[in-house]
Amino acid sequence: MIIRVVIEPDEDFFVAYCPELRGCVTYDRTEKEALANAKEAIELYLRPL
């Protein structure tokens, strides 16, 4: 499965979100950290209950 992650600068942070996964949004101070957070958020989002 391929899931897009969009990373955009926002003042002092980088915001990472997944357009295909509603509400799957995270942020951090660097692009690399924001991407790592997004990967974790995707895993949690898709994890079965």
PDB file of N, CA and C in Angstrom:
ATOM      1  N   MET A   1       0.846  -1.170   0.000  1.00  0.00           N
ATOM      2  CA  MET A   1       0.000   0.000   0.000  1.00  0.00           C
ATOM      3  C   MET A   1       0.900   1.244   0.000  1.00  0.00           C
ATOM      4  N   ILE A   2       0.561   2.164  -0.850  1.00  0.00           N
ATOM      5  CA  ILE A   2       1.296   3.420  -0.916  1.00  0.00           C
ATOM      6  C   ILE A   2       0.389   4.530  -0.401  1.00  0.00           C
ATOM      7  N   ILE A   3       0.898   5.301   0.563  1.00  0.00           N
ATOM      8  CA  ILE A   3       0.141   6.405   1.145  1.00  0.00           C
ATOM      9  C   ILE A   3       0.980   7.670   1.018  1.00  0.00           C
ATOM     10  N   ARG A   4       0.392   8.692   0.425  1.00  0.00           N
ATOM     11  CA  ARG A   4       1.099   9.968   0.270  1.00  0.00           C
ATOM     12  C   ARG A   4       1.206  10.690   1.601  1.00  0.00           C
ATOM     13  N   VAL A   5       2.359  11.318   1.818  1.00  0.00           N
ATOM     14  CA  VAL A   5       2.555  12.194   2.971  1.00  0.00           C
ATOM     15  C   VAL A   5       2.960  13.555   2.412  1.00  0.00           C
ATOM     16  N   VAL A   6       2.207  14.563   2.766  1.00  0.00           N
ATOM     17  CA  VAL A   6       2.493  15.931   2.333  1.00  0.00           C
ATOM     18  C   VAL A   6       3.112  16.655   3.521  1.00  0.00           C
ATOM     19  N   ILE A   7       4.257  17.308   3.274  1.00  0.00           N
ATOM     20  CA  ILE A   7       4.929  18.067   4.333  1.00  0.00           C
ATOM     21  C   ILE A   7       5.016  19.519   3.890  1.00  0.00           C
ATOM     22  N   GLU A   8       4.492  20.407   4.736  1.00  0.00           N
ATOM     23  CA  GLU A   8       4.480  21.835   4.427  1.00  0.00           C
ATOM     24  C   GLU A   8       5.067  22.628   5.589  1.00  0.00           C
ATOM     25  N   PRO A   9       5.854  23.667   5.302  1.00  0.00           N
ATOM     26  CA  PRO A   9       6.365  24.517   6.383  1.00  0.00           C
ATOM     27  C   PRO A   9       5.249  25.393   6.938  1.00  0.00           C
ATOM     28  N   ASP A  10       5.289  25.629   8.252  1.00  0.00           N
ATOM     29  CA  ASP A  10       4.301  26.483   8.907  1.00  0.00           C
ATOM     30  C   ASP A  10       4.995  27.200  10.057  1.00  0.00           C
ATOM     31  N   GLU A  11       5.440  28.413   9.820  1.00  0.00           N
ATOM     32  CA  GLU A  11       6.191  29.209  10.785  1.00  0.00           C
ATOM     33  C   GLU A  11       7.408  28.435  11.297  1.00  0.00           C
ATOM     34  N   ASP A  12       7.395  27.966  12.546  1.00  0.00           N
ATOM     35  CA  ASP A  12       8.554  27.296  13.127  1.00  0.00           C
ATOM     36  C   ASP A  12       8.507  25.778  13.008  1.00  0.00           C
ATOM     37  N   PHE A  13       7.487  25.244  12.369  1.00  0.00           N
ATOM     38  CA  PHE A  13       7.291  23.796  12.306  1.00  0.00           C
ATOM     39  C   PHE A  13       7.054  23.331  10.883  1.00  0.00           C
ATOM     40  N   PHE A  14       7.113  22.014  10.701  1.00  0.00           N
ATOM     41  CA  PHE A  14       6.708  21.379   9.453  1.00  0.00           C
ATOM     42  C   PHE A  14       5.494  20.517   9.770  1.00  0.00           C
ATOM     43  N   VAL A  15       4.448  20.700   8.988  1.00  0.00           N
ATOM     44  CA  VAL A  15       3.215  19.938   9.169  1.00  0.00           C
ATOM     45  C   VAL A  15       3.208  18.810   8.154  1.00  0.00           C
ATOM     46  N   ALA A  16       2.941  17.589   8.624  1.00  0.00           N
ATOM     47  CA  ALA A  16       2.853  16.423   7.748  1.00  0.00           C
ATOM     48  C   ALA A  16       1.445  15.851   7.850  1.00  0.00           C
ATOM     49  N   TYR A  17       0.832  15.583   6.689  1.00  0.00           N
ATOM     50  CA  TYR A  17      -0.496  14.996   6.706  1.00  0.00           C
ATOM     51  C   TYR A  17      -0.663  14.048   5.526  1.00  0.00           C
ATOM     52  N   CYS A  18      -1.665  13.179   5.653  1.00  0.00           N
ATOM     53  CA  CYS A  18      -1.970  12.190   4.632  1.00  0.00           C
ATOM     54  C   CYS A  18      -3.338  12.511   4.058  1.00  0.00           C
ATOM     55  N   PRO A  19      -3.399  12.982   2.823  1.00  0.00           N
ATOM     56  CA  PRO A  19      -4.685  13.356   2.235  1.00  0.00           C
ATOM     57  C   PRO A  19      -5.697  12.204   2.202  1.00  0.00           C
ATOM     58  N   GLU A  20      -5.216  10.971   2.050  1.00  0.00           N
ATOM     59  CA  GLU A  20      -6.118   9.818   1.967  1.00  0.00           C
ATOM     60  C   GLU A  20      -6.661   9.385   3.328  1.00  0.00           C
ATOM     61  N   LEU A  21      -6.005   9.787   4.404  1.00  0.00           N
ATOM     62  CA  LEU A  21      -6.413   9.366   5.743  1.00  0.00           C
ATOM     63  C   LEU A  21      -6.899  10.586   6.528  1.00  0.00           C
ATOM     64  N   ARG A  22      -8.180  10.762   6.555  1.00  0.00           N
ATOM     65  CA  ARG A  22      -8.796  11.934   7.185  1.00  0.00           C
ATOM     66  C   ARG A  22      -8.375  12.058   8.651  1.00  0.00           C
ATOM     67  N   GLY A  23      -7.840  13.203   9.020  1.00  0.00           N
ATOM     68  CA  GLY A  23      -7.450  13.477  10.394  1.00  0.00           C
ATOM     69  C   GLY A  23      -6.068  12.992  10.759  1.00  0.00           C
ATOM     70  N   CYS A  24      -5.350  12.416   9.821  1.00  0.00           N
ATOM     71  CA  CYS A  24      -3.996  11.910  10.094  1.00  0.00           C
ATOM     72  C   CYS A  24      -3.006  13.050   9.835  1.00  0.00           C
ATOM     73  N   VAL A  25      -2.743  13.831  10.894  1.00  0.00           N
ATOM     74  CA  VAL A  25      -1.913  15.032  10.794  1.00  0.00           C
ATOM     75  C   VAL A  25      -0.939  15.060  11.970  1.00  0.00           C
ATOM     76  N   THR A  26       0.274  15.503  11.708  1.00  0.00           N
ATOM     77  CA  THR A  26       1.269  15.642  12.765  1.00  0.00           C
ATOM     78  C   THR A  26       2.221  16.777  12.396  1.00  0.00           C
ATOM     79  N   TYR A  27       3.126  17.110  13.306  1.00  0.00           N
ATOM     80  CA  TYR A  27       4.086  18.171  13.020  1.00  0.00           C
ATOM     81  C   TYR A  27       5.326  17.981  13.877  1.00  0.00           C
ATOM     82  N   ASP A  28       6.401  18.665  13.483  1.00  0.00           N
ATOM     83  CA  ASP A  28       7.638  18.691  14.268  1.00  0.00           C
ATOM     84  C   ASP A  28       8.520  19.808  13.733  1.00  0.00           C
ATOM     85  N   ARG A  29       9.658  19.991  14.354  1.00  0.00           N
ATOM     86  CA  ARG A  29      10.539  21.113  14.002  1.00  0.00           C
ATOM     87  C   ARG A  29      11.329  20.912  12.714  1.00  0.00           C
ATOM     88  N   THR A  30      11.557  19.668  12.285  1.00  0.00           N
ATOM     89  CA  THR A  30      12.276  19.410  11.035  1.00  0.00           C
ATOM     90  C   THR A  30      11.420  18.529  10.129  1.00  0.00           C
ATOM     91  N   GLU A  31      11.730  18.559   8.827  1.00  0.00           N
ATOM     92  CA  GLU A  31      11.004  17.712   7.880  1.00  0.00           C
ATOM     93  C   GLU A  31      11.195  16.236   8.216  1.00  0.00           C
ATOM     94  N   LYS A  32      12.423  15.884   8.563  1.00  0.00           N
ATOM     95  CA  LYS A  32      12.737  14.488   8.879  1.00  0.00           C
ATOM     96  C   LYS A  32      11.920  13.993  10.079  1.00  0.00           C
ATOM     97  N   GLU A  33      11.843  14.803  11.126  1.00  0.00           N
ATOM     98  CA  GLU A  33      11.077  14.427  12.315  1.00  0.00           C
ATOM     99  C   GLU A  33       9.581  14.385  12.014  1.00  0.00           C
ATOM    100  N   ALA A  34       9.110  15.327  11.199  1.00  0.00           N
ATOM    101  CA  ALA A  34       7.683  15.339  10.830  1.00  0.00           C
ATOM    102  C   ALA A  34       7.339  14.088  10.030  1.00  0.00           C
ATOM    103  N   LEU A  35       8.234  13.653   9.142  1.00  0.00           N
ATOM    104  CA  LEU A  35       7.998  12.438   8.367  1.00  0.00           C
ATOM    105  C   LEU A  35       7.986  11.210   9.281  1.00  0.00           C
ATOM    106  N   ALA A  36       8.905  11.145  10.228  1.00  0.00           N
ATOM    107  CA  ALA A  36       8.933  10.024  11.175  1.00  0.00           C
ATOM    108  C   ALA A  36       7.636   9.986  11.984  1.00  0.00           C
ATOM    109  N   ASN A  37       7.164  11.141  12.406  1.00  0.00           N
ATOM    110  CA  ASN A  37       5.899  11.214  13.148  1.00  0.00           C
ATOM    111  C   ASN A  37       4.734  10.757  12.270  1.00  0.00           C
ATOM    112  N   ALA A  38       4.766  11.146  10.996  1.00  0.00           N
ATOM    113  CA  ALA A  38       3.695  10.765  10.075  1.00  0.00           C
ATOM    114  C   ALA A  38       3.672   9.248   9.881  1.00  0.00           C
ATOM    115  N   LYS A  39       4.839   8.634   9.769  1.00  0.00           N
ATOM    116  CA  LYS A  39       4.889   7.171   9.618  1.00  0.00           C
ATOM    117  C   LYS A  39       4.262   6.490  10.829  1.00  0.00           C
ATOM    118  N   GLU A  40       4.580   6.979  12.007  1.00  0.00           N
ATOM    119  CA  GLU A  40       3.999   6.409  13.221  1.00  0.00           C
ATOM    120  C   GLU A  40       2.483   6.638  13.261  1.00  0.00           C
ATOM    121  N   ALA A  41       2.051   7.831  12.876  1.00  0.00           N
ATOM    122  CA  ALA A  41       0.623   8.149  12.875  1.00  0.00           C
ATOM    123  C   ALA A  41      -0.139   7.255  11.896  1.00  0.00           C
ATOM    124  N   ILE A  42       0.454   6.982  10.735  1.00  0.00           N
ATOM    125  CA  ILE A  42      -0.173   6.109   9.747  1.00  0.00           C
ATOM    126  C   ILE A  42      -0.327   4.703  10.301  1.00  0.00           C
ATOM    127  N   GLU A  43       0.723   4.188  10.930  1.00  0.00           N
ATOM    128  CA  GLU A  43       0.662   2.859  11.533  1.00  0.00           C
ATOM    129  C   GLU A  43      -0.459   2.775  12.573  1.00  0.00           C
ATOM    130  N   LEU A  44      -0.562   3.782  13.419  1.00  0.00           N
ATOM    131  CA  LEU A  44      -1.602   3.791  14.445  1.00  0.00           C
ATOM    132  C   LEU A  44      -2.989   3.949  13.819  1.00  0.00           C
ATOM    133  N   TYR A  45      -3.091   4.767  12.791  1.00  0.00           N
ATOM    134  CA  TYR A  45      -4.366   5.006  12.119  1.00  0.00           C
ATOM    135  C   TYR A  45      -4.902   3.721  11.491  1.00  0.00           C
ATOM    136  N   LEU A  46      -4.007   2.943  10.885  1.00  0.00           N
ATOM    137  CA  LEU A  46      -4.410   1.733  10.169  1.00  0.00           C
ATOM    138  C   LEU A  46      -4.438   0.480  11.042  1.00  0.00           C
ATOM    139  N   ARG A  47      -3.990   0.610  12.277  1.00  0.00           N
ATOM    140  CA  ARG A  47      -3.954  -0.537  13.186  1.00  0.00           C
ATOM    141  C   ARG A  47      -5.381  -1.002  13.518  1.00  0.00           C
ATOM    142  N   PRO A  48      -5.610  -2.307  13.412  1.00  0.00           N
ATOM    143  CA  PRO A  48      -6.955  -2.805  13.742  1.00  0.00           C
ATOM    144  C   PRO A  48      -7.269  -2.605  15.218  1.00  0.00           C
ATOM    145  N   LEU A  49      -8.532  -2.410  15.515  1.00  0.00           N
ATOM    146  CA  LEU A  49      -8.959  -2.216  16.907  1.00  0.00           C
ATOM    147  C   LEU A  49      -9.010  -3.500  17.657  1.00  0.00           C
TER     148      LEU A  49
END
